Structures are given as C-alpha cells and as structure tokens.
N, C-alpha and C. Protein backbone atom coordinates (compact mmCIF):
# COMPACT_ATOMS: atom_id res chain seq x y z
N MET A 1 -90.59 -139.72 -125.31
CA MET A 1 -89.56 -139.71 -126.32
C MET A 1 -88.58 -138.57 -126.03
N ALA A 2 -87.27 -138.80 -126.28
CA ALA A 2 -86.25 -137.81 -125.96
C ALA A 2 -86.26 -136.70 -126.98
N ASN A 3 -85.88 -135.57 -126.52
CA ASN A 3 -85.82 -134.39 -127.38
C ASN A 3 -84.63 -134.53 -128.32
N PRO A 4 -84.79 -134.44 -129.67
CA PRO A 4 -83.67 -134.59 -130.61
C PRO A 4 -82.61 -133.52 -130.42
N ALA A 5 -82.95 -132.36 -129.97
CA ALA A 5 -81.97 -131.30 -129.75
C ALA A 5 -81.03 -131.65 -128.61
N GLN A 6 -81.55 -132.30 -127.55
CA GLN A 6 -80.71 -132.69 -126.43
C GLN A 6 -79.76 -133.82 -126.82
N ALA A 7 -80.23 -134.77 -127.64
CA ALA A 7 -79.38 -135.88 -128.08
C ALA A 7 -78.24 -135.38 -128.95
N THR A 8 -78.48 -134.43 -129.83
CA THR A 8 -77.44 -133.86 -130.67
C THR A 8 -76.44 -133.09 -129.83
N ALA A 9 -76.89 -132.38 -128.85
CA ALA A 9 -76.01 -131.60 -127.99
C ALA A 9 -75.08 -132.52 -127.19
N ALA A 10 -75.58 -133.69 -126.78
CA ALA A 10 -74.76 -134.61 -126.00
C ALA A 10 -73.61 -135.16 -126.83
N HIS A 11 -73.85 -135.37 -128.14
CA HIS A 11 -72.79 -135.91 -129.00
C HIS A 11 -71.84 -134.83 -129.49
N ASP A 12 -72.29 -133.64 -129.64
CA ASP A 12 -71.45 -132.55 -130.12
C ASP A 12 -70.58 -131.97 -129.02
N GLY A 13 -71.04 -131.97 -127.81
CA GLY A 13 -70.38 -131.27 -126.72
C GLY A 13 -69.06 -131.85 -126.32
N GLY A 14 -68.99 -133.02 -125.86
CA GLY A 14 -67.71 -133.46 -125.36
C GLY A 14 -67.54 -134.95 -125.38
N GLY A 15 -68.41 -135.70 -125.88
CA GLY A 15 -68.23 -137.13 -125.93
C GLY A 15 -69.00 -137.81 -124.82
N THR A 16 -69.10 -139.09 -124.96
CA THR A 16 -69.86 -139.87 -124.00
C THR A 16 -68.92 -140.75 -123.21
N ARG A 17 -69.51 -141.46 -122.27
CA ARG A 17 -68.74 -142.38 -121.45
C ARG A 17 -68.15 -143.49 -122.33
N ARG A 18 -68.89 -143.92 -123.35
CA ARG A 18 -68.43 -144.97 -124.26
C ARG A 18 -67.18 -144.50 -125.02
N ASP A 19 -67.15 -143.24 -125.48
CA ASP A 19 -65.98 -142.69 -126.17
C ASP A 19 -64.75 -142.73 -125.26
N PHE A 20 -64.94 -142.38 -124.01
CA PHE A 20 -63.84 -142.40 -123.05
C PHE A 20 -63.29 -143.83 -122.89
N LEU A 21 -64.17 -144.80 -122.79
CA LEU A 21 -63.74 -146.19 -122.63
C LEU A 21 -62.99 -146.69 -123.87
N TYR A 22 -63.46 -146.30 -125.07
CA TYR A 22 -62.75 -146.68 -126.29
C TYR A 22 -61.34 -146.09 -126.33
N LEU A 23 -61.22 -144.83 -126.00
CA LEU A 23 -59.90 -144.19 -125.99
C LEU A 23 -58.98 -144.81 -124.95
N THR A 24 -59.49 -145.08 -123.78
CA THR A 24 -58.68 -145.69 -122.71
C THR A 24 -58.22 -147.09 -123.12
N ALA A 25 -59.14 -147.89 -123.65
CA ALA A 25 -58.78 -149.24 -124.07
C ALA A 25 -57.75 -149.20 -125.21
N GLY A 26 -57.92 -148.29 -126.14
CA GLY A 26 -56.95 -148.15 -127.23
C GLY A 26 -55.58 -147.75 -126.74
N ALA A 27 -55.54 -146.84 -125.78
CA ALA A 27 -54.25 -146.41 -125.23
C ALA A 27 -53.55 -147.55 -124.51
N PHE A 28 -54.29 -148.30 -123.71
CA PHE A 28 -53.68 -149.44 -123.01
C PHE A 28 -53.25 -150.52 -123.99
N GLY A 29 -54.02 -150.73 -125.05
CA GLY A 29 -53.63 -151.71 -126.07
C GLY A 29 -52.34 -151.31 -126.78
N ALA A 30 -52.21 -150.01 -127.12
CA ALA A 30 -50.99 -149.53 -127.78
C ALA A 30 -49.79 -149.65 -126.84
N LEU A 31 -49.99 -149.31 -125.57
CA LEU A 31 -48.90 -149.41 -124.59
C LEU A 31 -48.49 -150.87 -124.41
N GLY A 32 -49.47 -151.77 -124.33
CA GLY A 32 -49.17 -153.20 -124.18
C GLY A 32 -48.41 -153.74 -125.38
N THR A 33 -48.79 -153.32 -126.58
CA THR A 33 -48.09 -153.75 -127.78
C THR A 33 -46.66 -153.24 -127.78
N ALA A 34 -46.46 -151.98 -127.41
CA ALA A 34 -45.11 -151.41 -127.37
C ALA A 34 -44.24 -152.15 -126.37
N ILE A 35 -44.79 -152.46 -125.20
CA ILE A 35 -44.00 -153.18 -124.17
C ILE A 35 -43.66 -154.58 -124.65
N THR A 36 -44.56 -155.20 -125.38
CA THR A 36 -44.31 -156.55 -125.88
C THR A 36 -43.29 -156.57 -127.00
N VAL A 37 -43.33 -155.58 -127.89
CA VAL A 37 -42.47 -155.56 -129.08
C VAL A 37 -41.08 -155.02 -128.77
N TRP A 38 -40.93 -154.18 -127.76
CA TRP A 38 -39.64 -153.53 -127.48
C TRP A 38 -38.47 -154.50 -127.33
N PRO A 39 -38.60 -155.62 -126.58
CA PRO A 39 -37.44 -156.54 -126.48
C PRO A 39 -36.99 -157.08 -127.83
N PHE A 40 -37.92 -157.30 -128.73
CA PHE A 40 -37.54 -157.80 -130.06
C PHE A 40 -36.80 -156.72 -130.85
N ILE A 41 -37.26 -155.51 -130.79
CA ILE A 41 -36.59 -154.41 -131.48
C ILE A 41 -35.21 -154.17 -130.85
N SER A 42 -35.15 -154.21 -129.54
CA SER A 42 -33.88 -153.99 -128.84
C SER A 42 -32.85 -155.08 -129.17
N SER A 43 -33.31 -156.29 -129.44
CA SER A 43 -32.38 -157.37 -129.75
C SER A 43 -31.69 -157.17 -131.09
N LEU A 44 -32.19 -156.27 -131.92
CA LEU A 44 -31.56 -155.99 -133.21
C LEU A 44 -30.36 -155.05 -133.09
N ASN A 45 -30.18 -154.41 -131.95
CA ASN A 45 -29.03 -153.53 -131.74
C ASN A 45 -27.75 -154.35 -131.67
N PRO A 46 -26.62 -153.79 -132.09
CA PRO A 46 -25.36 -154.55 -132.00
C PRO A 46 -24.98 -154.80 -130.55
N SER A 47 -24.40 -155.98 -130.32
CA SER A 47 -23.97 -156.34 -128.97
C SER A 47 -22.69 -155.60 -128.60
N ALA A 48 -22.32 -155.69 -127.34
CA ALA A 48 -21.14 -154.98 -126.84
C ALA A 48 -19.86 -155.44 -127.53
N ASP A 49 -19.75 -156.75 -127.81
CA ASP A 49 -18.53 -157.22 -128.47
C ASP A 49 -18.43 -156.73 -129.91
N VAL A 50 -19.57 -156.55 -130.56
CA VAL A 50 -19.55 -156.01 -131.92
C VAL A 50 -19.18 -154.52 -131.89
N LEU A 51 -19.73 -153.79 -130.95
CA LEU A 51 -19.39 -152.38 -130.83
C LEU A 51 -17.91 -152.18 -130.50
N ALA A 52 -17.33 -153.10 -129.77
CA ALA A 52 -15.91 -153.00 -129.44
C ALA A 52 -15.05 -153.15 -130.69
N LEU A 53 -15.53 -153.90 -131.66
CA LEU A 53 -14.78 -154.10 -132.90
C LEU A 53 -15.04 -153.01 -133.93
N ALA A 54 -15.89 -152.05 -133.59
CA ALA A 54 -16.26 -151.01 -134.56
C ALA A 54 -15.07 -150.16 -134.96
N SER A 55 -14.10 -150.00 -134.07
CA SER A 55 -12.89 -149.26 -134.42
C SER A 55 -11.68 -149.93 -133.80
N THR A 56 -10.55 -149.74 -134.46
CA THR A 56 -9.29 -150.31 -133.99
C THR A 56 -8.24 -149.22 -134.02
N ASP A 57 -7.53 -149.06 -132.91
CA ASP A 57 -6.45 -148.09 -132.84
C ASP A 57 -5.13 -148.80 -133.11
N VAL A 58 -4.30 -148.16 -133.93
CA VAL A 58 -3.01 -148.75 -134.31
C VAL A 58 -1.91 -147.76 -134.00
N ASN A 59 -0.89 -148.23 -133.27
CA ASN A 59 0.30 -147.43 -133.00
C ASN A 59 1.26 -147.61 -134.17
N LEU A 60 1.53 -146.53 -134.88
CA LEU A 60 2.38 -146.60 -136.07
C LEU A 60 3.87 -146.45 -135.75
N GLY A 61 4.19 -146.06 -134.53
CA GLY A 61 5.57 -145.79 -134.15
C GLY A 61 6.55 -146.91 -134.43
N PRO A 62 6.23 -148.15 -134.07
CA PRO A 62 7.21 -149.23 -134.26
C PRO A 62 7.37 -149.73 -135.70
N ILE A 63 6.55 -149.26 -136.63
CA ILE A 63 6.62 -149.76 -138.00
C ILE A 63 7.71 -149.01 -138.76
N ALA A 64 8.71 -149.77 -139.21
CA ALA A 64 9.84 -149.17 -139.94
C ALA A 64 9.46 -148.96 -141.40
N GLU A 65 10.19 -148.09 -142.06
CA GLU A 65 9.95 -147.82 -143.47
C GLU A 65 10.12 -149.12 -144.27
N GLY A 66 9.14 -149.39 -145.14
CA GLY A 66 9.16 -150.62 -145.93
C GLY A 66 8.51 -151.80 -145.23
N GLN A 67 8.15 -151.65 -143.98
CA GLN A 67 7.55 -152.74 -143.21
C GLN A 67 6.03 -152.63 -143.24
N ALA A 68 5.36 -153.77 -143.05
CA ALA A 68 3.91 -153.82 -143.02
C ALA A 68 3.45 -154.68 -141.85
N ILE A 69 2.30 -154.33 -141.29
CA ILE A 69 1.69 -155.14 -140.24
C ILE A 69 0.24 -155.43 -140.63
N THR A 70 -0.32 -156.42 -139.99
CA THR A 70 -1.72 -156.77 -140.20
C THR A 70 -2.44 -156.65 -138.86
N VAL A 71 -3.54 -155.91 -138.84
CA VAL A 71 -4.39 -155.80 -137.66
C VAL A 71 -5.77 -156.31 -138.04
N THR A 72 -6.59 -156.57 -137.04
CA THR A 72 -7.94 -157.05 -137.30
C THR A 72 -8.93 -155.94 -136.99
N TRP A 73 -9.85 -155.73 -137.92
CA TRP A 73 -10.91 -154.74 -137.75
C TRP A 73 -12.19 -155.35 -138.29
N ARG A 74 -13.20 -155.43 -137.45
CA ARG A 74 -14.49 -156.03 -137.82
C ARG A 74 -14.33 -157.45 -138.36
N GLY A 75 -13.38 -158.18 -137.80
CA GLY A 75 -13.15 -159.56 -138.21
C GLY A 75 -12.39 -159.72 -139.50
N LYS A 76 -11.90 -158.63 -140.08
CA LYS A 76 -11.17 -158.69 -141.35
C LYS A 76 -9.73 -158.25 -141.12
N PRO A 77 -8.80 -158.78 -141.92
CA PRO A 77 -7.43 -158.29 -141.83
C PRO A 77 -7.31 -156.92 -142.49
N VAL A 78 -6.58 -156.05 -141.85
CA VAL A 78 -6.29 -154.73 -142.41
C VAL A 78 -4.78 -154.61 -142.53
N PHE A 79 -4.32 -154.29 -143.74
CA PHE A 79 -2.90 -154.14 -144.00
C PHE A 79 -2.51 -152.69 -143.76
N VAL A 80 -1.49 -152.50 -142.94
CA VAL A 80 -0.93 -151.17 -142.68
C VAL A 80 0.52 -151.23 -143.14
N ARG A 81 0.84 -150.48 -144.18
CA ARG A 81 2.20 -150.50 -144.72
C ARG A 81 2.79 -149.10 -144.71
N ARG A 82 4.01 -149.02 -144.19
CA ARG A 82 4.77 -147.77 -144.26
C ARG A 82 5.62 -147.86 -145.51
N ARG A 83 5.19 -147.15 -146.53
CA ARG A 83 5.82 -147.27 -147.84
C ARG A 83 7.11 -146.48 -147.93
N THR A 84 8.00 -146.99 -148.77
CA THR A 84 9.23 -146.28 -149.06
C THR A 84 8.92 -145.21 -150.10
N GLN A 85 9.84 -144.27 -150.26
CA GLN A 85 9.64 -143.23 -151.27
C GLN A 85 9.57 -143.84 -152.66
N GLN A 86 10.32 -144.89 -152.91
CA GLN A 86 10.28 -145.55 -154.21
C GLN A 86 8.89 -146.17 -154.47
N GLU A 87 8.28 -146.80 -153.45
CA GLU A 87 6.94 -147.36 -153.61
C GLU A 87 5.91 -146.27 -153.89
N ILE A 88 6.05 -145.14 -153.22
CA ILE A 88 5.12 -144.00 -153.43
C ILE A 88 5.28 -143.48 -154.85
N ASP A 89 6.53 -143.26 -155.28
CA ASP A 89 6.78 -142.73 -156.62
C ASP A 89 6.28 -143.69 -157.70
N THR A 90 6.49 -144.99 -157.50
CA THR A 90 6.02 -145.99 -158.46
C THR A 90 4.50 -145.97 -158.55
N ALA A 91 3.82 -145.88 -157.42
CA ALA A 91 2.35 -145.87 -157.40
C ALA A 91 1.80 -144.62 -158.07
N ARG A 92 2.46 -143.50 -157.88
CA ARG A 92 1.96 -142.24 -158.44
C ARG A 92 2.28 -142.09 -159.92
N ALA A 93 3.24 -142.85 -160.41
CA ALA A 93 3.64 -142.74 -161.82
C ALA A 93 2.73 -143.54 -162.75
N VAL A 94 1.85 -144.37 -162.21
CA VAL A 94 0.99 -145.22 -163.03
C VAL A 94 -0.12 -144.38 -163.66
N PRO A 95 -0.25 -144.40 -164.99
CA PRO A 95 -1.36 -143.67 -165.63
C PRO A 95 -2.70 -144.35 -165.29
N LEU A 96 -3.72 -143.55 -165.05
CA LEU A 96 -5.03 -144.10 -164.70
C LEU A 96 -5.60 -144.96 -165.81
N SER A 97 -5.18 -144.71 -167.05
CA SER A 97 -5.68 -145.51 -168.17
C SER A 97 -5.17 -146.96 -168.11
N ASP A 98 -4.10 -147.22 -167.35
CA ASP A 98 -3.57 -148.57 -167.20
C ASP A 98 -4.30 -149.38 -166.14
N LEU A 99 -5.21 -148.75 -165.40
CA LEU A 99 -5.85 -149.40 -164.26
C LEU A 99 -7.25 -149.89 -164.60
N ARG A 100 -7.57 -151.08 -164.14
CA ARG A 100 -8.90 -151.65 -164.33
C ARG A 100 -9.93 -150.91 -163.49
N ASP A 101 -9.55 -150.54 -162.27
CA ASP A 101 -10.41 -149.79 -161.35
C ASP A 101 -9.66 -148.48 -161.06
N PRO A 102 -9.78 -147.47 -161.95
CA PRO A 102 -8.96 -146.26 -161.85
C PRO A 102 -9.18 -145.48 -160.55
N GLU A 103 -8.07 -145.28 -159.86
CA GLU A 103 -8.09 -144.49 -158.62
C GLU A 103 -6.67 -144.01 -158.38
N THR A 104 -6.51 -142.73 -158.10
CA THR A 104 -5.17 -142.19 -157.87
C THR A 104 -4.63 -142.66 -156.53
N ASP A 105 -3.32 -142.66 -156.42
CA ASP A 105 -2.68 -143.01 -155.16
C ASP A 105 -3.03 -141.99 -154.08
N GLN A 106 -3.13 -140.72 -154.47
CA GLN A 106 -3.45 -139.66 -153.52
C GLN A 106 -4.84 -139.88 -152.90
N ALA A 107 -5.77 -140.45 -153.66
CA ALA A 107 -7.12 -140.71 -153.15
C ALA A 107 -7.14 -141.91 -152.21
N ARG A 108 -6.13 -142.77 -152.29
CA ARG A 108 -6.10 -143.99 -151.49
C ARG A 108 -5.29 -143.86 -150.20
N ALA A 109 -4.44 -142.86 -150.10
CA ALA A 109 -3.59 -142.70 -148.92
C ALA A 109 -3.68 -141.26 -148.42
N GLN A 110 -4.14 -141.07 -147.18
CA GLN A 110 -4.23 -139.73 -146.61
C GLN A 110 -2.85 -139.11 -146.45
N ARG A 111 -1.91 -139.93 -146.02
CA ARG A 111 -0.51 -139.52 -145.92
C ARG A 111 0.27 -140.48 -146.81
N PRO A 112 1.10 -139.95 -147.69
CA PRO A 112 1.74 -140.81 -148.71
C PRO A 112 2.49 -142.02 -148.16
N GLN A 113 3.16 -141.88 -147.03
CA GLN A 113 3.96 -143.00 -146.53
C GLN A 113 3.10 -144.11 -145.90
N TRP A 114 1.85 -143.81 -145.52
CA TRP A 114 1.00 -144.79 -144.86
C TRP A 114 -0.12 -145.25 -145.79
N LEU A 115 -0.12 -146.54 -146.09
CA LEU A 115 -1.18 -147.14 -146.89
C LEU A 115 -1.94 -148.10 -145.99
N ILE A 116 -3.25 -147.90 -145.89
CA ILE A 116 -4.10 -148.72 -145.02
C ILE A 116 -5.21 -149.31 -145.88
N LEU A 117 -5.27 -150.65 -145.94
CA LEU A 117 -6.19 -151.35 -146.83
C LEU A 117 -6.84 -152.53 -146.11
N VAL A 118 -8.07 -152.85 -146.50
CA VAL A 118 -8.68 -154.10 -146.05
C VAL A 118 -8.03 -155.21 -146.87
N GLY A 119 -7.42 -156.15 -146.21
CA GLY A 119 -6.63 -157.19 -146.88
C GLY A 119 -7.44 -158.38 -147.32
N VAL A 120 -8.47 -158.13 -148.12
CA VAL A 120 -9.31 -159.21 -148.64
C VAL A 120 -9.40 -159.04 -150.15
N CYS A 121 -8.97 -160.06 -150.89
CA CYS A 121 -9.00 -160.01 -152.35
C CYS A 121 -10.43 -159.79 -152.83
N THR A 122 -10.59 -158.93 -153.79
CA THR A 122 -11.93 -158.59 -154.28
C THR A 122 -12.47 -159.61 -155.28
N HIS A 123 -11.72 -160.68 -155.52
CA HIS A 123 -12.21 -161.72 -156.42
C HIS A 123 -13.05 -162.73 -155.66
N LEU A 124 -12.46 -163.46 -154.73
CA LEU A 124 -13.20 -164.48 -153.97
C LEU A 124 -12.99 -164.37 -152.47
N GLY A 125 -12.41 -163.27 -152.00
CA GLY A 125 -12.28 -163.08 -150.55
C GLY A 125 -11.08 -163.74 -149.91
N CYS A 126 -10.09 -164.11 -150.67
CA CYS A 126 -8.86 -164.67 -150.11
C CYS A 126 -8.03 -163.56 -149.47
N ILE A 127 -7.00 -163.93 -148.74
CA ILE A 127 -6.11 -162.93 -148.15
C ILE A 127 -4.81 -162.93 -148.97
N PRO A 128 -4.53 -161.83 -149.67
CA PRO A 128 -3.34 -161.77 -150.51
C PRO A 128 -2.04 -161.84 -149.69
N LEU A 129 -1.01 -162.32 -150.34
CA LEU A 129 0.33 -162.37 -149.75
C LEU A 129 1.05 -161.06 -150.05
N GLY A 130 2.07 -160.76 -149.25
CA GLY A 130 2.88 -159.58 -149.50
C GLY A 130 3.11 -158.74 -148.26
N GLN A 131 2.60 -159.18 -147.13
CA GLN A 131 2.81 -158.43 -145.90
C GLN A 131 4.20 -158.69 -145.31
N ARG A 132 4.68 -159.91 -145.44
CA ARG A 132 6.00 -160.25 -144.91
C ARG A 132 7.05 -160.09 -146.02
N PRO A 133 8.26 -159.75 -145.64
CA PRO A 133 9.31 -159.57 -146.66
C PRO A 133 9.60 -160.82 -147.48
N THR A 134 9.34 -162.01 -146.91
CA THR A 134 9.63 -163.26 -147.62
C THR A 134 8.50 -163.72 -148.53
N GLU A 135 7.35 -163.06 -148.46
CA GLU A 135 6.21 -163.48 -149.28
C GLU A 135 6.26 -162.83 -150.66
N PRO A 136 5.72 -163.52 -151.67
CA PRO A 136 5.68 -162.92 -153.01
C PRO A 136 4.74 -161.73 -153.03
N ARG A 137 5.15 -160.68 -153.73
CA ARG A 137 4.35 -159.46 -153.82
C ARG A 137 3.79 -159.24 -155.21
N GLY A 138 3.94 -160.19 -156.08
CA GLY A 138 3.40 -160.06 -157.43
C GLY A 138 4.29 -159.23 -158.33
N GLU A 139 3.82 -159.04 -159.55
CA GLU A 139 4.62 -158.34 -160.56
C GLU A 139 4.71 -156.84 -160.33
N TYR A 140 3.88 -156.29 -159.46
CA TYR A 140 3.85 -154.84 -159.28
C TYR A 140 4.30 -154.40 -157.89
N GLY A 141 4.86 -155.32 -157.11
CA GLY A 141 5.47 -154.99 -155.82
C GLY A 141 4.52 -154.74 -154.67
N GLY A 142 3.24 -155.02 -154.85
CA GLY A 142 2.26 -154.78 -153.78
C GLY A 142 1.87 -156.06 -153.07
N TRP A 143 0.80 -156.68 -153.55
CA TRP A 143 0.30 -157.91 -152.97
C TRP A 143 -0.04 -158.89 -154.09
N PHE A 144 -0.03 -160.17 -153.74
CA PHE A 144 -0.31 -161.22 -154.71
C PHE A 144 -1.27 -162.22 -154.08
N CYS A 145 -2.35 -162.52 -154.77
CA CYS A 145 -3.30 -163.53 -154.29
C CYS A 145 -3.04 -164.81 -155.08
N PRO A 146 -2.45 -165.82 -154.45
CA PRO A 146 -2.07 -167.02 -155.18
C PRO A 146 -3.23 -167.91 -155.59
N CYS A 147 -4.40 -167.70 -155.02
CA CYS A 147 -5.54 -168.57 -155.33
C CYS A 147 -5.91 -168.53 -156.81
N HIS A 148 -5.97 -167.32 -157.37
CA HIS A 148 -6.34 -167.19 -158.78
C HIS A 148 -5.43 -166.21 -159.53
N GLY A 149 -4.38 -165.73 -158.87
CA GLY A 149 -3.37 -164.94 -159.57
C GLY A 149 -3.63 -163.45 -159.70
N SER A 150 -4.30 -162.85 -158.73
CA SER A 150 -4.50 -161.40 -158.79
C SER A 150 -3.26 -160.68 -158.27
N HIS A 151 -2.82 -159.66 -159.01
CA HIS A 151 -1.65 -158.87 -158.64
C HIS A 151 -2.10 -157.45 -158.32
N TYR A 152 -1.67 -156.92 -157.18
CA TYR A 152 -1.98 -155.56 -156.77
C TYR A 152 -0.69 -154.76 -156.70
N ASP A 153 -0.77 -153.46 -157.00
CA ASP A 153 0.44 -152.63 -156.95
C ASP A 153 0.66 -152.06 -155.55
N THR A 154 1.64 -151.16 -155.42
CA THR A 154 2.02 -150.62 -154.11
C THR A 154 0.99 -149.64 -153.55
N SER A 155 -0.11 -149.46 -154.27
CA SER A 155 -1.23 -148.66 -153.77
C SER A 155 -2.46 -149.53 -153.55
N GLY A 156 -2.31 -150.85 -153.71
CA GLY A 156 -3.41 -151.78 -153.51
C GLY A 156 -4.40 -151.81 -154.66
N ARG A 157 -3.97 -151.33 -155.84
CA ARG A 157 -4.86 -151.32 -157.00
C ARG A 157 -4.66 -152.59 -157.82
N ILE A 158 -5.75 -153.14 -158.33
CA ILE A 158 -5.66 -154.35 -159.13
C ILE A 158 -4.98 -154.04 -160.46
N ARG A 159 -4.00 -154.87 -160.81
CA ARG A 159 -3.25 -154.65 -162.04
C ARG A 159 -3.33 -155.85 -162.98
N LYS A 160 -3.51 -157.05 -162.40
CA LYS A 160 -3.52 -158.25 -163.24
C LYS A 160 -4.29 -159.33 -162.50
N GLY A 161 -5.01 -160.16 -163.24
CA GLY A 161 -5.74 -161.26 -162.63
C GLY A 161 -7.24 -161.02 -162.63
N PRO A 162 -7.99 -161.93 -162.03
CA PRO A 162 -9.45 -161.87 -162.12
C PRO A 162 -10.14 -160.90 -161.15
N ALA A 163 -9.44 -160.35 -160.19
CA ALA A 163 -10.09 -159.46 -159.23
C ALA A 163 -10.66 -158.24 -159.96
N PRO A 164 -11.92 -157.88 -159.69
CA PRO A 164 -12.53 -156.77 -160.42
C PRO A 164 -12.21 -155.38 -159.86
N ARG A 165 -11.88 -155.29 -158.57
CA ARG A 165 -11.70 -153.98 -157.93
C ARG A 165 -10.40 -153.94 -157.12
N ASN A 166 -10.04 -152.72 -156.76
CA ASN A 166 -8.88 -152.49 -155.89
C ASN A 166 -9.17 -153.01 -154.49
N LEU A 167 -8.10 -153.24 -153.72
CA LEU A 167 -8.30 -153.56 -152.31
C LEU A 167 -8.97 -152.35 -151.65
N PRO A 168 -10.03 -152.56 -150.87
CA PRO A 168 -10.75 -151.42 -150.31
C PRO A 168 -9.95 -150.68 -149.24
N VAL A 169 -10.16 -149.38 -149.18
CA VAL A 169 -9.56 -148.53 -148.16
C VAL A 169 -10.63 -148.30 -147.09
N PRO A 170 -10.38 -148.72 -145.84
CA PRO A 170 -11.37 -148.49 -144.80
C PRO A 170 -11.37 -147.02 -144.37
N GLY A 171 -12.41 -146.61 -143.71
CA GLY A 171 -12.42 -145.27 -143.14
C GLY A 171 -11.42 -145.21 -141.99
N TYR A 172 -10.58 -144.22 -141.96
CA TYR A 172 -9.62 -144.09 -140.87
C TYR A 172 -9.27 -142.62 -140.68
N THR A 173 -8.81 -142.31 -139.47
CA THR A 173 -8.35 -140.95 -139.15
C THR A 173 -7.08 -141.05 -138.33
N PHE A 174 -6.20 -140.09 -138.56
CA PHE A 174 -4.98 -140.02 -137.78
C PHE A 174 -5.30 -139.28 -136.48
N VAL A 175 -5.19 -139.98 -135.37
CA VAL A 175 -5.46 -139.38 -134.05
C VAL A 175 -4.28 -138.50 -133.65
N SER A 176 -3.08 -138.94 -134.00
CA SER A 176 -1.86 -138.17 -133.78
C SER A 176 -0.86 -138.60 -134.86
N ASP A 177 0.37 -138.11 -134.76
CA ASP A 177 1.36 -138.46 -135.78
C ASP A 177 1.64 -139.97 -135.80
N ASN A 178 1.57 -140.63 -134.65
CA ASN A 178 1.91 -142.04 -134.56
C ASN A 178 0.72 -142.95 -134.26
N ASN A 179 -0.51 -142.45 -134.30
CA ASN A 179 -1.67 -143.28 -134.01
C ASN A 179 -2.76 -143.03 -135.05
N VAL A 180 -3.36 -144.14 -135.49
CA VAL A 180 -4.46 -144.07 -136.44
C VAL A 180 -5.62 -144.88 -135.88
N ARG A 181 -6.83 -144.37 -136.11
CA ARG A 181 -8.04 -145.10 -135.71
C ARG A 181 -8.75 -145.54 -136.99
N ILE A 182 -8.90 -146.87 -137.10
CA ILE A 182 -9.58 -147.46 -138.25
C ILE A 182 -11.03 -147.69 -137.84
N GLY A 183 -11.93 -147.19 -138.65
CA GLY A 183 -13.37 -147.36 -138.36
C GLY A 183 -13.99 -146.14 -137.75
C-alpha cells in the first residue's frame, strides 16, 4: 500500500501529468474556438465603401451668398446654405418660446453665414424643398416638405406642420476658411 504522505506531496507539489494534459487540451480548445469565431467577428466591421462615406469634404468657395448646395453624406442629403445677413437676423430674432423644438440659431451654426443640415424631414423622412431658388421655401423662408406640410425656418427649425423636431445638424468641422468636413 502507498504511503499517504507521499500521495499528498505529489498533489501539493506541482501537479501531475493528467493536470498538464487538461491544461494543454483546454488551451488548444480555446485557440481553436478563437480561430473559428474570428472571421465572424471580423465580418461585423464596416466595409471599405462604408468607411469612405464616413466623412465628406465640401469646398465652400464656389457657393455664393444666398445659394445652397446638396451633398451626400452616409447616403443622406446634406444641405449646405450660405445665408444672407437678413436670413441670419431673421433666425436669431425668433423667440425660443415660439419653437416646437427650442434651439438657438447660434447652437445650430458654427459660423453664422454657413448652415449645414441633414436634409431629411423629421416627420416621415421626405426631402424638403427649398435648396433651389425656384422651389418653395415655406412660410418661414427655410425649407418646405410638401408631403405633409412641414415648414422650417432659415435655421432649419420646425415652425409649422407635423414634423416633431428640427432638421438635424451633422457633426462637422471647418478644415479651413473654404473647406468643411462633415462627419
């Protein structure tokens, strides 16, 4: 019969051959699982074409005062308008108590003459009119969504109609005096 003191010493000291095999098998199993799962996890990363749309650079130089252009960012239209001083003054004169979604003009435009908005109506996702000089701009001189009659002012704030919120302002930074990066 084996000495009980020797058996206890063998288990306390450093492990047995069986412990080593369990650890080795577990390590290889974990590594095999990681190698198998990695392609699935990697497929969740955005593709190159999506990353290319993550930001859009816009040259503001050719845009005349009072003119607006539409660019695409993340598959959505973005309105870039160079506002006149009258449009700026009108937007800033509106009391916040008159607005359904109160937000100051200063909070919506980093530079007063440049207004940059996602051009999607907050009611049902239509694209409001008002970018071209010949299009109706609604009762407040900004944008008009003819689908259900939402009127936005010269700061893109909802003033009349069923839309619950203002036109969203995307994240943007001025790279230089004549260039802006949206996104």
